[in-house]
PDB file of N, CA and C in Angstrom:
ATOM      1  N   UNK A   1     216.560  93.492  27.670  1.00  0.00           N
ATOM      2  CA  UNK A   1     216.967  94.717  27.012  1.00  0.00           C
ATOM      3  C   UNK A   1     216.858  95.875  27.998  1.00  0.00           C
ATOM      4  N   UNK A   2     217.864  96.675  28.050  1.00  0.00           N
ATOM      5  CA  UNK A   2     217.849  97.808  28.962  1.00  0.00           C
ATOM      6  C   UNK A   2     217.303  99.044  28.268  1.00  0.00           C
ATOM      7  N   UNK A   3     216.622  99.869  29.036  1.00  0.00           N
ATOM      8  CA  UNK A   3     216.071 101.129  28.552  1.00  0.00           C
ATOM      9  C   UNK A   3     216.808 102.271  29.218  1.00  0.00           C
ATOM     10  N   UNK A   4     217.072 103.301  28.462  1.00  0.00           N
ATOM     11  CA  UNK A   4     217.701 104.495  29.002  1.00  0.00           C
ATOM     12  C   UNK A   4     216.606 105.406  29.527  1.00  0.00           C
ATOM     13  N   UNK A   5     216.751 105.864  30.775  1.00  0.00           N
ATOM     14  CA  UNK A   5     215.780 106.783  31.357  1.00  0.00           C
ATOM     15  C   UNK A   5     216.504 108.011  31.890  1.00  0.00           C
ATOM     16  N   UNK A   6     215.787 109.085  31.984  1.00  0.00           N
ATOM     17  CA  UNK A   6     216.305 110.316  32.577  1.00  0.00           C
ATOM     18  C   UNK A   6     215.396 110.704  33.724  1.00  0.00           C
ATOM     19  N   UNK A   7     215.980 111.162  34.807  1.00  0.00           N
ATOM     20  CA  UNK A   7     215.183 111.652  35.919  1.00  0.00           C
ATOM     21  C   UNK A   7     215.988 112.668  36.699  1.00  0.00           C
ATOM     22  N   UNK A   8     215.281 113.514  37.398  1.00  0.00           N
ATOM     23  CA  UNK A   8     215.929 114.545  38.214  1.00  0.00           C
ATOM     24  C   UNK A   8     216.191 113.988  39.603  1.00  0.00           C
ATOM     25  N   UNK A   9     217.310 114.394  40.170  1.00  0.00           N
ATOM     26  CA  UNK A   9     217.685 113.950  41.505  1.00  0.00           C
ATOM     27  C   UNK A   9     218.365 115.127  42.205  1.00  0.00           C
ATOM     28  N   UNK A  10     218.039 115.365  43.455  1.00  0.00           N
ATOM     29  CA  UNK A  10     218.693 116.471  44.163  1.00  0.00           C
ATOM     30  C   UNK A  10     220.217 116.284  44.162  1.00  0.00           C
ATOM     31  N   UNK A  11     220.917 117.379  44.042  1.00  0.00           N
ATOM     32  CA  UNK A  11     222.383 117.325  43.967  1.00  0.00           C
ATOM     33  C   UNK A  11     222.993 116.643  45.184  1.00  0.00           C
ATOM     34  N   UNK A  12     222.440 116.910  46.345  1.00  0.00           N
ATOM     35  CA  UNK A  12     222.997 116.296  47.556  1.00  0.00           C
ATOM     36  C   UNK A  12     222.863 114.770  47.520  1.00  0.00           C
ATOM     37  N   UNK A  13     221.737 114.284  47.013  1.00  0.00           N
ATOM     38  CA  UNK A  13     221.552 112.836  46.908  1.00  0.00           C
ATOM     39  C   UNK A  13     222.484 112.265  45.840  1.00  0.00           C
ATOM     40  N   UNK A  14     222.633 112.968  44.734  1.00  0.00           N
ATOM     41  CA  UNK A  14     223.539 112.515  43.686  1.00  0.00           C
ATOM     42  C   UNK A  14     224.974 112.436  44.202  1.00  0.00           C
ATOM     43  N   UNK A  15     225.365 113.400  45.008  1.00  0.00           N
ATOM     44  CA  UNK A  15     226.708 113.363  45.606  1.00  0.00           C
ATOM     45  C   UNK A  15     226.880 112.131  46.488  1.00  0.00           C
ATOM     46  N   UNK A  16     225.843 111.814  47.242  1.00  0.00           N
ATOM     47  CA  UNK A  16     225.894 110.614  48.089  1.00  0.00           C
ATOM     48  C   UNK A  16     225.990 109.353  47.234  1.00  0.00           C
ATOM     49  N   UNK A  17     225.220 109.321  46.151  1.00  0.00           N
ATOM     50  CA  UNK A  17     225.266 108.176  45.230  1.00  0.00           C
ATOM     51  C   UNK A  17     226.673 108.027  44.671  1.00  0.00           C
ATOM     52  N   UNK A  18     227.230 109.123  44.212  1.00  0.00           N
ATOM     53  CA  UNK A  18     228.569 109.078  43.625  1.00  0.00           C
ATOM     54  C   UNK A  18     229.624 108.606  44.627  1.00  0.00           C
ATOM     55  N   UNK A  19     229.553 109.121  45.846  1.00  0.00           N
ATOM     56  CA  UNK A  19     230.517 108.699  46.872  1.00  0.00           C
ATOM     57  C   UNK A  19     230.377 107.202  47.175  1.00  0.00           C
ATOM     58  N   UNK A  20     229.133 106.758  47.284  1.00  0.00           N
ATOM     59  CA  UNK A  20     228.914 105.349  47.606  1.00  0.00           C
ATOM     60  C   UNK A  20     229.306 104.459  46.431  1.00  0.00           C
ATOM     61  N   UNK A  21     229.023 104.902  45.220  1.00  0.00           N
ATOM     62  CA  UNK A  21     229.414 104.135  44.033  1.00  0.00           C
ATOM     63  C   UNK A  21     230.928 103.977  43.987  1.00  0.00           C
ATOM     64  N   UNK A  22     231.623 105.049  44.265  1.00  0.00           N
ATOM     65  CA  UNK A  22     233.087 104.994  44.256  1.00  0.00           C
ATOM     66  C   UNK A  22     233.586 104.045  45.349  1.00  0.00           C
ATOM     67  N   UNK A  23     233.005 104.169  46.530  1.00  0.00           N
ATOM     68  CA  UNK A  23     233.412 103.329  47.672  1.00  0.00           C
ATOM     69  C   UNK A  23     233.187 101.845  47.371  1.00  0.00           C
ATOM     70  N   UNK A  24     232.090 101.528  46.698  1.00  0.00           N
ATOM     71  CA  UNK A  24     231.743 100.131  46.415  1.00  0.00           C
ATOM     72  C   UNK A  24     232.221  99.672  45.038  1.00  0.00           C
ATOM     73  N   UNK A  25     232.931 100.584  44.342  1.00  0.00           N
ATOM     74  CA  UNK A  25     233.463 100.289  43.009  1.00  0.00           C
ATOM     75  C   UNK A  25     232.375  99.853  42.034  1.00  0.00           C
ATOM     76  N   UNK A  26     231.268 100.582  42.064  1.00  0.00           N
ATOM     77  CA  UNK A  26     230.159 100.340  41.145  1.00  0.00           C
ATOM     78  C   UNK A  26     229.897 101.620  40.377  1.00  0.00           C
ATOM     79  N   UNK A  27     229.289 101.473  39.231  1.00  0.00           N
ATOM     80  CA  UNK A  27     228.897 102.663  38.478  1.00  0.00           C
ATOM     81  C   UNK A  27     227.627 103.230  39.104  1.00  0.00           C
ATOM     82  N   UNK A  28     227.331 104.474  38.775  1.00  0.00           N
ATOM     83  CA  UNK A  28     226.067 105.074  39.222  1.00  0.00           C
ATOM     84  C   UNK A  28     224.899 104.184  38.823  1.00  0.00           C
ATOM     85  N   UNK A  29     224.914 103.779  37.561  1.00  0.00           N
ATOM     86  CA  UNK A  29     223.800 102.968  37.042  1.00  0.00           C
ATOM     87  C   UNK A  29     223.649 101.666  37.811  1.00  0.00           C
ATOM     88  N   UNK A  30     224.780 100.982  38.059  1.00  0.00           N
ATOM     89  CA  UNK A  30     224.717  99.728  38.820  1.00  0.00           C
ATOM     90  C   UNK A  30     224.132  99.959  40.205  1.00  0.00           C
ATOM     91  N   UNK A  31     224.600 101.001  40.856  1.00  0.00           N
ATOM     92  CA  UNK A  31     224.142 101.301  42.208  1.00  0.00           C
ATOM     93  C   UNK A  31     222.652 101.625  42.228  1.00  0.00           C
ATOM     94  N   UNK A  32     222.203 102.439  41.295  1.00  0.00           N
ATOM     95  CA  UNK A  32     220.789 102.815  41.254  1.00  0.00           C
ATOM     96  C   UNK A  32     219.915 101.619  40.897  1.00  0.00           C
ATOM     97  N   UNK A  33     220.365 100.780  39.952  1.00  0.00           N
ATOM     98  CA  UNK A  33     219.598  99.562  39.620  1.00  0.00           C
ATOM     99  C   UNK A  33     219.461  98.671  40.851  1.00  0.00           C
ATOM    100  N   UNK A  34     220.576  98.473  41.550  1.00  0.00           N
ATOM    101  CA  UNK A  34     220.558  97.630  42.748  1.00  0.00           C
ATOM    102  C   UNK A  34     219.642  98.224  43.824  1.00  0.00           C
ATOM    103  N   UNK A  35     219.724  99.538  44.016  1.00  0.00           N
ATOM    104  CA  UNK A  35     218.879 100.197  45.011  1.00  0.00           C
ATOM    105  C   UNK A  35     217.396 100.036  44.657  1.00  0.00           C
ATOM    106  N   UNK A  36     217.069 100.179  43.386  1.00  0.00           N
ATOM    107  CA  UNK A  36     215.666 100.021  42.969  1.00  0.00           C
ATOM    108  C   UNK A  36     215.192  98.590  43.165  1.00  0.00           C
ATOM    109  N   UNK A  37     216.032  97.616  42.810  1.00  0.00           N
ATOM    110  CA  UNK A  37     215.644  96.209  43.025  1.00  0.00           C
ATOM    111  C   UNK A  37     215.396  95.931  44.507  1.00  0.00           C
ATOM    112  N   UNK A  38     216.307  96.412  45.358  1.00  0.00           N
ATOM    113  CA  UNK A  38     216.151  96.193  46.796  1.00  0.00           C
ATOM    114  C   UNK A  38     214.919  96.897  47.349  1.00  0.00           C
ATOM    115  N   UNK A  39     214.676  98.126  46.882  1.00  0.00           N
ATOM    116  CA  UNK A  39     213.513  98.876  47.358  1.00  0.00           C
ATOM    117  C   UNK A  39     212.218  98.167  46.972  1.00  0.00           C
ATOM    118  N   UNK A  40     212.125  97.763  45.716  1.00  0.00           N
ATOM    119  CA  UNK A  40     210.901  97.093  45.251  1.00  0.00           C
ATOM    120  C   UNK A  40     210.695  95.786  46.002  1.00  0.00           C
ATOM    121  N   UNK A  41     211.751  95.011  46.167  1.00  0.00           N
ATOM    122  CA  UNK A  41     211.659  93.750  46.895  1.00  0.00           C
ATOM    123  C   UNK A  41     211.224  93.982  48.337  1.00  0.00           C
ATOM    124  N   UNK A  42     211.813  94.987  48.965  1.00  0.00           N
ATOM    125  CA  UNK A  42     211.478  95.316  50.353  1.00  0.00           C
ATOM    126  C   UNK A  42     210.019  95.740  50.487  1.00  0.00           C
ATOM    127  N   UNK A  43     209.551  96.572  49.574  1.00  0.00           N
ATOM    128  CA  UNK A  43     208.155  97.023  49.624  1.00  0.00           C
ATOM    129  C   UNK A  43     207.187  95.867  49.387  1.00  0.00           C
ATOM    130  N   UNK A  44     207.539  94.963  48.471  1.00  0.00           N
ATOM    131  CA  UNK A  44     206.679  93.801  48.225  1.00  0.00           C
ATOM    132  C   UNK A  44     206.617  92.909  49.462  1.00  0.00           C
ATOM    133  N   UNK A  45     207.755  92.703  50.098  1.00  0.00           N
ATOM    134  CA  UNK A  45     207.795  91.880  51.313  1.00  0.00           C
ATOM    135  C   UNK A  45     207.017  92.540  52.442  1.00  0.00           C
ATOM    136  N   UNK A  46     207.180  93.850  52.590  1.00  0.00           N
ATOM    137  CA  UNK A  46     206.464  94.584  53.633  1.00  0.00           C
ATOM    138  C   UNK A  46     204.956  94.479  53.421  1.00  0.00           C
ATOM    139  N   UNK A  47     204.532  94.643  52.191  1.00  0.00           N
ATOM    140  CA  UNK A  47     203.101  94.533  51.872  1.00  0.00           C
ATOM    141  C   UNK A  47     202.596  93.131  52.195  1.00  0.00           C
ATOM    142  N   UNK A  48     203.374  92.126  51.825  1.00  0.00           N
ATOM    143  CA  UNK A  48     202.983  90.746  52.098  1.00  0.00           C
ATOM    144  C   UNK A  48     202.857  90.502  53.602  1.00  0.00           C
ATOM    145  N   UNK A  49     203.803  91.006  54.386  1.00  0.00           N
ATOM    146  CA  UNK A  49     203.761  90.816  55.830  1.00  0.00           C
ATOM    147  C   UNK A  49     202.550  91.506  56.466  1.00  0.00           C
ATOM    148  N   UNK A  50     202.255  92.715  56.019  1.00  0.00           N
ATOM    149  CA  UNK A  50     201.112  93.417  56.592  1.00  0.00           C
ATOM    150  C   UNK A  50     199.787  92.781  56.169  1.00  0.00           C
ATOM    151  N   UNK A  51     199.743  92.196  54.977  1.00  0.00           N
ATOM    152  CA  UNK A  51     198.540  91.450  54.589  1.00  0.00           C
ATOM    153  C   UNK A  51     198.371  90.223  55.479  1.00  0.00           C
ATOM    154  N   UNK A  52     199.472  89.576  55.821  1.00  0.00           N
ATOM    155  CA  UNK A  52     199.405  88.428  56.738  1.00  0.00           C
ATOM    156  C   UNK A  52     198.882  88.861  58.104  1.00  0.00           C
ATOM    157  N   UNK A  53     199.348  90.011  58.570  1.00  0.00           N
ATOM    158  CA  UNK A  53     198.864  90.532  59.856  1.00  0.00           C
ATOM    159  C   UNK A  53     197.364  90.799  59.778  1.00  0.00           C
ATOM    160  N   UNK A  54     196.947  91.398  58.670  1.00  0.00           N
ATOM    161  CA  UNK A  54     195.532  91.719  58.501  1.00  0.00           C
ATOM    162  C   UNK A  54     194.683  90.443  58.466  1.00  0.00           C
ATOM    163  N   UNK A  55     195.155  89.427  57.749  1.00  0.00           N
ATOM    164  CA  UNK A  55     194.421  88.161  57.693  1.00  0.00           C
ATOM    165  C   UNK A  55     194.371  87.484  59.063  1.00  0.00           C
ATOM    166  N   UNK A  56     195.490  87.519  59.783  1.00  0.00           N
ATOM    167  CA  UNK A  56     195.510  86.930  61.119  1.00  0.00           C
ATOM    168  C   UNK A  56     194.537  87.667  62.035  1.00  0.00           C
ATOM    169  N   UNK A  57     194.477  88.967  61.911  1.00  0.00           N
ATOM    170  CA  UNK A  57     193.554  89.761  62.723  1.00  0.00           C
ATOM    171  C   UNK A  57     192.105  89.400  62.396  1.00  0.00           C
ATOM    172  N   UNK A  58     191.828  89.186  61.121  1.00  0.00           N
ATOM    173  CA  UNK A  58     190.471  88.797  60.721  1.00  0.00           C
ATOM    174  C   UNK A  58     190.113  87.429  61.302  1.00  0.00           C
ATOM    175  N   UNK A  59     191.084  86.506  61.288  1.00  0.00           N
ATOM    176  CA  UNK A  59     190.840  85.173  61.851  1.00  0.00           C
ATOM    177  C   UNK A  59     190.562  85.240  63.349  1.00  0.00           C
ATOM    178  N   UNK A  60     191.130  86.262  63.988  1.00  0.00           N
ATOM    179  CA  UNK A  60     190.905  86.450  65.421  1.00  0.00           C
ATOM    180  C   UNK A  60     189.673  87.321  65.686  1.00  0.00           C
ATOM    181  N   UNK A  61     188.907  87.554  64.631  1.00  0.00           N
ATOM    182  CA  UNK A  61     187.672  88.356  64.692  1.00  0.00           C
ATOM    183  C   UNK A  61     187.920  89.804  65.098  1.00  0.00           C
ATOM    184  N   UNK A  62     189.084  90.325  64.718  1.00  0.00           N
ATOM    185  CA  UNK A  62     189.327  91.761  64.893  1.00  0.00           C
ATOM    186  C   UNK A  62     188.488  92.486  63.862  1.00  0.00           C
ATOM    187  N   UNK A  63     187.999  93.634  64.223  1.00  0.00           N
ATOM    188  CA  UNK A  63     187.305  94.459  63.237  1.00  0.00           C
ATOM    189  C   UNK A  63     188.340  95.028  62.274  1.00  0.00           C
ATOM    190  N   UNK A  64     187.879  95.545  61.149  1.00  0.00           N
ATOM    191  CA  UNK A  64     188.784  96.171  60.177  1.00  0.00           C
ATOM    192  C   UNK A  64     189.593  97.288  60.832  1.00  0.00           C
ATOM    193  N   UNK A  65     188.921  98.106  61.633  1.00  0.00           N
ATOM    194  CA  UNK A  65     189.627  99.222  62.277  1.00  0.00           C
ATOM    195  C   UNK A  65     190.628  98.716  63.321  1.00  0.00           C
ATOM    196  N   UNK A  66     190.290  97.639  64.026  1.00  0.00           N
ATOM    197  CA  UNK A  66     191.228  97.075  65.001  1.00  0.00           C
ATOM    198  C   UNK A  66     192.448  96.494  64.290  1.00  0.00           C
ATOM    199  N   UNK A  67     192.234  95.865  63.138  1.00  0.00           N
ATOM    200  CA  UNK A  67     193.351  95.320  62.354  1.00  0.00           C
ATOM    201  C   UNK A  67     194.235  96.464  61.858  1.00  0.00           C
ATOM    202  N   UNK A  68     193.615  97.522  61.347  1.00  0.00           N
ATOM    203  CA  UNK A  68     194.390  98.670  60.865  1.00  0.00           C
ATOM    204  C   UNK A  68     195.143  99.325  62.019  1.00  0.00           C
ATOM    205  N   UNK A  69     194.525  99.373  63.192  1.00  0.00           N
ATOM    206  CA  UNK A  69     195.181  99.929  64.370  1.00  0.00           C
ATOM    207  C   UNK A  69     196.399  99.081  64.756  1.00  0.00           C
ATOM    208  N   UNK A  70     196.256  97.763  64.680  1.00  0.00           N
ATOM    209  CA  UNK A  70     197.365  96.859  64.974  1.00  0.00           C
ATOM    210  C   UNK A  70     198.511  97.078  63.986  1.00  0.00           C
ATOM    211  N   UNK A  71     198.172  97.219  62.717  1.00  0.00           N
ATOM    212  CA  UNK A  71     199.191  97.476  61.693  1.00  0.00           C
ATOM    213  C   UNK A  71     199.886  98.805  61.965  1.00  0.00           C
ATOM    214  N   UNK A  72     199.122  99.829  62.286  1.00  0.00           N
ATOM    215  CA  UNK A  72     199.700 101.146  62.575  1.00  0.00           C
ATOM    216  C   UNK A  72     200.634 101.087  63.776  1.00  0.00           C
ATOM    217  N   UNK A  73     200.210 100.392  64.827  1.00  0.00           N
ATOM    218  CA  UNK A  73     201.064 100.249  66.008  1.00  0.00           C
ATOM    219  C   UNK A  73     202.342  99.484  65.674  1.00  0.00           C
ATOM    220  N   UNK A  74     202.217  98.461  64.831  1.00  0.00           N
ATOM    221  CA  UNK A  74     203.385  97.686  64.415  1.00  0.00           C
ATOM    222  C   UNK A  74     204.338  98.556  63.621  1.00  0.00           C
ATOM    223  N   UNK A  75     203.792  99.337  62.687  1.00  0.00           N
ATOM    224  CA  UNK A  75     204.632 100.243  61.897  1.00  0.00           C
ATOM    225  C   UNK A  75     205.365 101.222  62.800  1.00  0.00           C
ATOM    226  N   UNK A  76     204.646 101.798  63.730  1.00  0.00           N
ATOM    227  CA  UNK A  76     205.263 102.765  64.657  1.00  0.00           C
ATOM    228  C   UNK A  76     206.343 102.094  65.508  1.00  0.00           C
ATOM    229  N   UNK A  77     206.057 100.896  65.984  1.00  0.00           N
ATOM    230  CA  UNK A  77     207.031 100.188  66.819  1.00  0.00           C
ATOM    231  C   UNK A  77     208.291  99.863  66.028  1.00  0.00           C
ATOM    232  N   UNK A  78     208.113  99.576  64.738  1.00  0.00           N
ATOM    233  CA  UNK A  78     209.252  99.246  63.886  1.00  0.00           C
ATOM    234  C   UNK A  78     209.807 100.467  63.179  1.00  0.00           C
ATOM    235  N   UNK A  79     209.170 101.624  63.414  1.00  0.00           N
ATOM    236  CA  UNK A  79     209.579 102.885  62.806  1.00  0.00           C
ATOM    237  C   UNK A  79     209.595 102.775  61.281  1.00  0.00           C
ATOM    238  N   UNK A  80     208.509 102.229  60.725  1.00  0.00           N
ATOM    239  CA  UNK A  80     208.387 102.055  59.281  1.00  0.00           C
ATOM    240  C   UNK A  80     207.547 103.187  58.722  1.00  0.00           C
ATOM    241  N   UNK A  81     208.056 103.805  57.675  1.00  0.00           N
ATOM    242  CA  UNK A  81     207.286 104.843  56.984  1.00  0.00           C
ATOM    243  C   UNK A  81     206.145 104.192  56.225  1.00  0.00           C
ATOM    244  N   UNK A  82     205.057 104.888  56.147  1.00  0.00           N
ATOM    245  CA  UNK A  82     203.872 104.357  55.473  1.00  0.00           C
ATOM    246  C   UNK A  82     204.030 104.410  53.981  1.00  0.00           C
TER     247      UNK A  82
END
């Protein structure tokens, strides 16, 4: 069952959504649903990967701070927002 939600979005972003929806022949709703699914999936995968890095660091007897430093360096190298 789908739920109707309302939220505010900057006009410039809405314009981009509308242009992209038109280009891809999707409705606003379809595009936003797809974007949310992809974002959530991506964040879950990113979290899983960084947990793997942290566990590997622990197995190598890295300290907590050394593991966090490794994660931070990896994020910076990959230009990933925190």
